[in-house]
Amino acid sequence: MIQQIKVASSSNVSAVAGAISNIMREQSSLEVSTVGAGSLNQAIKALAIARGFLTPSGIEIWVTPSFKEILIEGKQKTAIKLKVEKR
């Protein structure tokens, strides 16, 4: 099962980067879910930082974005799903 991380616009970028790094050291992939521009911004910054954490260990990551329909408080929203995989 692919582990999922949900990122909000208020998420701590360093904490998210650490979580991504820890998961990618143990697994081959994960999903990062965002809704809105602010949360996508935080997720991309966290991925850039996580890449810096992982590269010295010989782990390269790549990201594939896609759309995902989700329900939030009974309303359908479009989320952006970032699939992170080891290269």
N, C-alpha and C. Protein backbone atom coordinates (compact mmCIF):
# COMPACT_ATOMS: atom_id res chain seq x y z
N MET A 1 0.84 -1.19 0.00
CA MET A 1 0.00 0.00 0.00
C MET A 1 0.88 1.24 0.00
N ILE A 2 0.53 2.20 -0.84
CA ILE A 2 1.30 3.44 -0.93
C ILE A 2 0.90 4.35 0.23
N GLN A 3 1.89 4.85 0.93
CA GLN A 3 1.63 5.77 2.04
C GLN A 3 1.25 7.13 1.48
N GLN A 4 0.33 7.82 2.18
CA GLN A 4 -0.15 9.13 1.73
C GLN A 4 0.16 10.19 2.76
N ILE A 5 0.52 11.37 2.27
CA ILE A 5 0.74 12.54 3.11
C ILE A 5 -0.20 13.62 2.58
N LYS A 6 -0.93 14.28 3.47
CA LYS A 6 -1.78 15.40 3.08
C LYS A 6 -1.08 16.68 3.55
N VAL A 7 -0.95 17.63 2.64
CA VAL A 7 -0.26 18.87 2.94
C VAL A 7 -1.27 20.02 2.87
N ALA A 8 -1.26 20.88 3.88
CA ALA A 8 -2.11 22.06 3.93
C ALA A 8 -1.26 23.30 3.73
N SER A 9 -1.91 24.41 3.47
CA SER A 9 -1.16 25.66 3.28
C SER A 9 -0.45 26.08 4.57
N SER A 10 -0.92 25.58 5.69
CA SER A 10 -0.31 25.92 6.98
C SER A 10 0.72 24.88 7.44
N SER A 11 0.99 23.87 6.61
CA SER A 11 1.93 22.80 6.99
C SER A 11 3.35 23.36 7.12
N ASN A 12 4.08 22.82 8.09
CA ASN A 12 5.49 23.17 8.28
C ASN A 12 6.30 22.46 7.20
N VAL A 13 6.96 23.24 6.35
CA VAL A 13 7.68 22.69 5.20
C VAL A 13 8.78 21.74 5.65
N SER A 14 9.53 22.10 6.67
CA SER A 14 10.63 21.24 7.15
C SER A 14 10.11 19.91 7.68
N ALA A 15 8.99 19.95 8.39
CA ALA A 15 8.41 18.72 8.93
C ALA A 15 7.93 17.81 7.80
N VAL A 16 7.30 18.39 6.79
CA VAL A 16 6.83 17.61 5.65
C VAL A 16 8.02 17.02 4.90
N ALA A 17 9.07 17.81 4.71
CA ALA A 17 10.28 17.32 4.03
C ALA A 17 10.90 16.15 4.80
N GLY A 18 10.94 16.25 6.12
CA GLY A 18 11.46 15.17 6.94
C GLY A 18 10.62 13.91 6.81
N ALA A 19 9.30 14.07 6.79
CA ALA A 19 8.40 12.92 6.64
C ALA A 19 8.59 12.26 5.28
N ILE A 20 8.69 13.07 4.23
CA ILE A 20 8.90 12.53 2.89
C ILE A 20 10.22 11.77 2.84
N SER A 21 11.27 12.36 3.39
CA SER A 21 12.60 11.72 3.38
C SER A 21 12.58 10.40 4.12
N ASN A 22 11.97 10.38 5.29
CA ASN A 22 11.91 9.13 6.07
C ASN A 22 11.15 8.04 5.34
N ILE A 23 10.04 8.38 4.73
CA ILE A 23 9.26 7.39 4.00
C ILE A 23 10.03 6.88 2.79
N MET A 24 10.68 7.78 2.05
CA MET A 24 11.38 7.38 0.84
C MET A 24 12.64 6.57 1.14
N ARG A 25 13.18 6.68 2.33
CA ARG A 25 14.30 5.81 2.71
C ARG A 25 13.84 4.37 2.92
N GLU A 26 12.56 4.20 3.30
CA GLU A 26 12.02 2.88 3.61
C GLU A 26 11.20 2.27 2.48
N GLN A 27 10.59 3.11 1.65
CA GLN A 27 9.68 2.62 0.61
C GLN A 27 10.10 3.15 -0.76
N SER A 28 9.50 2.61 -1.80
CA SER A 28 9.86 3.04 -3.15
C SER A 28 8.97 4.16 -3.69
N SER A 29 7.83 4.43 -3.02
CA SER A 29 6.95 5.50 -3.49
C SER A 29 6.02 5.98 -2.38
N LEU A 30 5.43 7.16 -2.61
CA LEU A 30 4.41 7.71 -1.72
C LEU A 30 3.58 8.71 -2.50
N GLU A 31 2.43 9.10 -1.94
CA GLU A 31 1.55 10.09 -2.55
C GLU A 31 1.44 11.30 -1.63
N VAL A 32 1.55 12.48 -2.22
CA VAL A 32 1.35 13.73 -1.49
C VAL A 32 0.09 14.36 -2.08
N SER A 33 -0.90 14.65 -1.24
CA SER A 33 -2.16 15.24 -1.69
C SER A 33 -2.25 16.69 -1.25
N THR A 34 -2.72 17.56 -2.18
CA THR A 34 -2.88 18.97 -1.88
C THR A 34 -4.21 19.47 -2.45
N VAL A 35 -4.79 20.46 -1.80
CA VAL A 35 -5.97 21.14 -2.33
C VAL A 35 -5.70 22.62 -2.21
N GLY A 36 -5.60 23.30 -3.34
CA GLY A 36 -5.36 24.73 -3.34
C GLY A 36 -3.91 25.09 -3.60
N ALA A 37 -3.73 26.32 -4.03
CA ALA A 37 -2.41 26.81 -4.42
C ALA A 37 -1.44 26.86 -3.24
N GLY A 38 -1.91 27.28 -2.08
CA GLY A 38 -1.04 27.38 -0.91
C GLY A 38 -0.48 26.04 -0.47
N SER A 39 -1.32 25.02 -0.47
CA SER A 39 -0.85 23.71 -0.05
C SER A 39 0.07 23.09 -1.11
N LEU A 40 -0.20 23.35 -2.38
CA LEU A 40 0.69 22.86 -3.44
C LEU A 40 2.06 23.53 -3.32
N ASN A 41 2.08 24.81 -3.02
CA ASN A 41 3.33 25.54 -2.82
C ASN A 41 4.14 24.92 -1.69
N GLN A 42 3.49 24.64 -0.57
CA GLN A 42 4.19 24.03 0.57
C GLN A 42 4.72 22.64 0.21
N ALA A 43 3.93 21.87 -0.53
CA ALA A 43 4.34 20.52 -0.92
C ALA A 43 5.56 20.55 -1.84
N ILE A 44 5.56 21.46 -2.80
CA ILE A 44 6.69 21.55 -3.74
C ILE A 44 7.96 21.98 -3.01
N LYS A 45 7.84 22.94 -2.09
CA LYS A 45 9.01 23.35 -1.30
C LYS A 45 9.52 22.18 -0.46
N ALA A 46 8.61 21.42 0.13
CA ALA A 46 9.01 20.28 0.96
C ALA A 46 9.70 19.21 0.11
N LEU A 47 9.22 18.98 -1.10
CA LEU A 47 9.84 18.01 -1.99
C LEU A 47 11.25 18.45 -2.39
N ALA A 48 11.44 19.73 -2.62
CA ALA A 48 12.77 20.24 -2.97
C ALA A 48 13.74 20.04 -1.80
N ILE A 49 13.27 20.31 -0.59
CA ILE A 49 14.11 20.13 0.60
C ILE A 49 14.39 18.64 0.82
N ALA A 50 13.37 17.80 0.67
CA ALA A 50 13.55 16.35 0.84
C ALA A 50 14.56 15.81 -0.17
N ARG A 51 14.52 16.31 -1.38
CA ARG A 51 15.49 15.89 -2.39
C ARG A 51 16.90 16.20 -1.92
N GLY A 52 17.08 17.37 -1.30
CA GLY A 52 18.38 17.73 -0.75
C GLY A 52 18.81 16.81 0.38
N PHE A 53 17.85 16.33 1.17
CA PHE A 53 18.16 15.39 2.25
C PHE A 53 18.54 14.01 1.70
N LEU A 54 17.88 13.60 0.62
CA LEU A 54 18.03 12.23 0.10
C LEU A 54 19.20 12.06 -0.87
N THR A 55 19.51 13.07 -1.65
CA THR A 55 20.54 12.95 -2.68
C THR A 55 21.90 12.51 -2.13
N PRO A 56 22.38 13.05 -1.00
CA PRO A 56 23.67 12.58 -0.48
C PRO A 56 23.69 11.09 -0.12
N SER A 57 22.51 10.52 0.13
CA SER A 57 22.40 9.09 0.46
C SER A 57 22.30 8.24 -0.80
N GLY A 58 22.33 8.88 -1.97
CA GLY A 58 22.22 8.14 -3.23
C GLY A 58 20.80 7.86 -3.65
N ILE A 59 19.83 8.52 -3.03
CA ILE A 59 18.42 8.33 -3.39
C ILE A 59 17.95 9.52 -4.20
N GLU A 60 17.55 9.26 -5.44
CA GLU A 60 16.98 10.28 -6.32
C GLU A 60 15.48 10.07 -6.38
N ILE A 61 14.72 11.17 -6.30
CA ILE A 61 13.26 11.05 -6.39
C ILE A 61 12.77 11.83 -7.60
N TRP A 62 11.63 11.39 -8.11
CA TRP A 62 10.95 12.13 -9.16
C TRP A 62 9.48 12.18 -8.85
N VAL A 63 8.80 13.21 -9.36
CA VAL A 63 7.42 13.48 -9.00
C VAL A 63 6.55 13.50 -10.26
N THR A 64 5.40 12.82 -10.17
CA THR A 64 4.42 12.82 -11.25
C THR A 64 3.12 13.42 -10.72
N PRO A 65 2.71 14.58 -11.23
CA PRO A 65 1.46 15.20 -10.76
C PRO A 65 0.25 14.65 -11.51
N SER A 66 -0.89 14.62 -10.83
CA SER A 66 -2.16 14.25 -11.46
C SER A 66 -3.29 14.86 -10.63
N PHE A 67 -4.50 14.82 -11.19
CA PHE A 67 -5.67 15.33 -10.50
C PHE A 67 -6.41 14.19 -9.82
N LYS A 68 -7.13 14.53 -8.75
CA LYS A 68 -7.89 13.54 -7.99
C LYS A 68 -9.13 14.25 -7.45
N GLU A 69 -10.28 13.64 -7.60
CA GLU A 69 -11.53 14.20 -7.06
C GLU A 69 -11.73 13.68 -5.64
N ILE A 70 -11.98 14.59 -4.70
CA ILE A 70 -12.19 14.22 -3.30
C ILE A 70 -13.40 14.96 -2.74
N LEU A 71 -13.93 14.46 -1.61
CA LEU A 71 -15.03 15.13 -0.92
C LEU A 71 -14.51 15.80 0.35
N ILE A 72 -14.81 17.08 0.50
CA ILE A 72 -14.46 17.82 1.71
C ILE A 72 -15.73 18.49 2.20
N GLU A 73 -16.17 18.11 3.40
CA GLU A 73 -17.40 18.65 4.00
C GLU A 73 -18.58 18.54 3.04
N GLY A 74 -18.69 17.40 2.37
CA GLY A 74 -19.81 17.14 1.48
C GLY A 74 -19.71 17.79 0.11
N LYS A 75 -18.64 18.53 -0.16
CA LYS A 75 -18.46 19.19 -1.44
C LYS A 75 -17.33 18.51 -2.21
N GLN A 76 -17.55 18.34 -3.50
CA GLN A 76 -16.52 17.72 -4.33
C GLN A 76 -15.47 18.76 -4.70
N LYS A 77 -14.22 18.42 -4.49
CA LYS A 77 -13.09 19.31 -4.78
C LYS A 77 -12.10 18.57 -5.67
N THR A 78 -11.30 19.32 -6.38
CA THR A 78 -10.23 18.74 -7.18
C THR A 78 -8.93 18.93 -6.41
N ALA A 79 -8.27 17.83 -6.15
CA ALA A 79 -6.98 17.85 -5.46
C ALA A 79 -5.89 17.56 -6.48
N ILE A 80 -4.69 17.96 -6.15
CA ILE A 80 -3.54 17.57 -6.95
C ILE A 80 -2.79 16.51 -6.17
N LYS A 81 -2.57 15.38 -6.83
CA LYS A 81 -1.86 14.26 -6.23
C LYS A 81 -0.46 14.25 -6.84
N LEU A 82 0.55 14.24 -5.97
CA LEU A 82 1.94 14.17 -6.41
C LEU A 82 2.47 12.79 -6.05
N LYS A 83 2.71 11.96 -7.05
CA LYS A 83 3.27 10.63 -6.79
C LYS A 83 4.79 10.76 -6.79
N VAL A 84 5.38 10.39 -5.69
CA VAL A 84 6.83 10.49 -5.52
C VAL A 84 7.41 9.07 -5.59
N GLU A 85 8.40 8.90 -6.46
CA GLU A 85 9.00 7.58 -6.65
C GLU A 85 10.53 7.71 -6.66
N LYS A 86 11.18 6.61 -6.30
CA LYS A 86 12.63 6.56 -6.43
C LYS A 86 12.97 6.39 -7.91
N ARG A 87 14.01 7.06 -8.33
CA ARG A 87 14.43 6.96 -9.72
C ARG A 87 15.34 5.78 -9.88
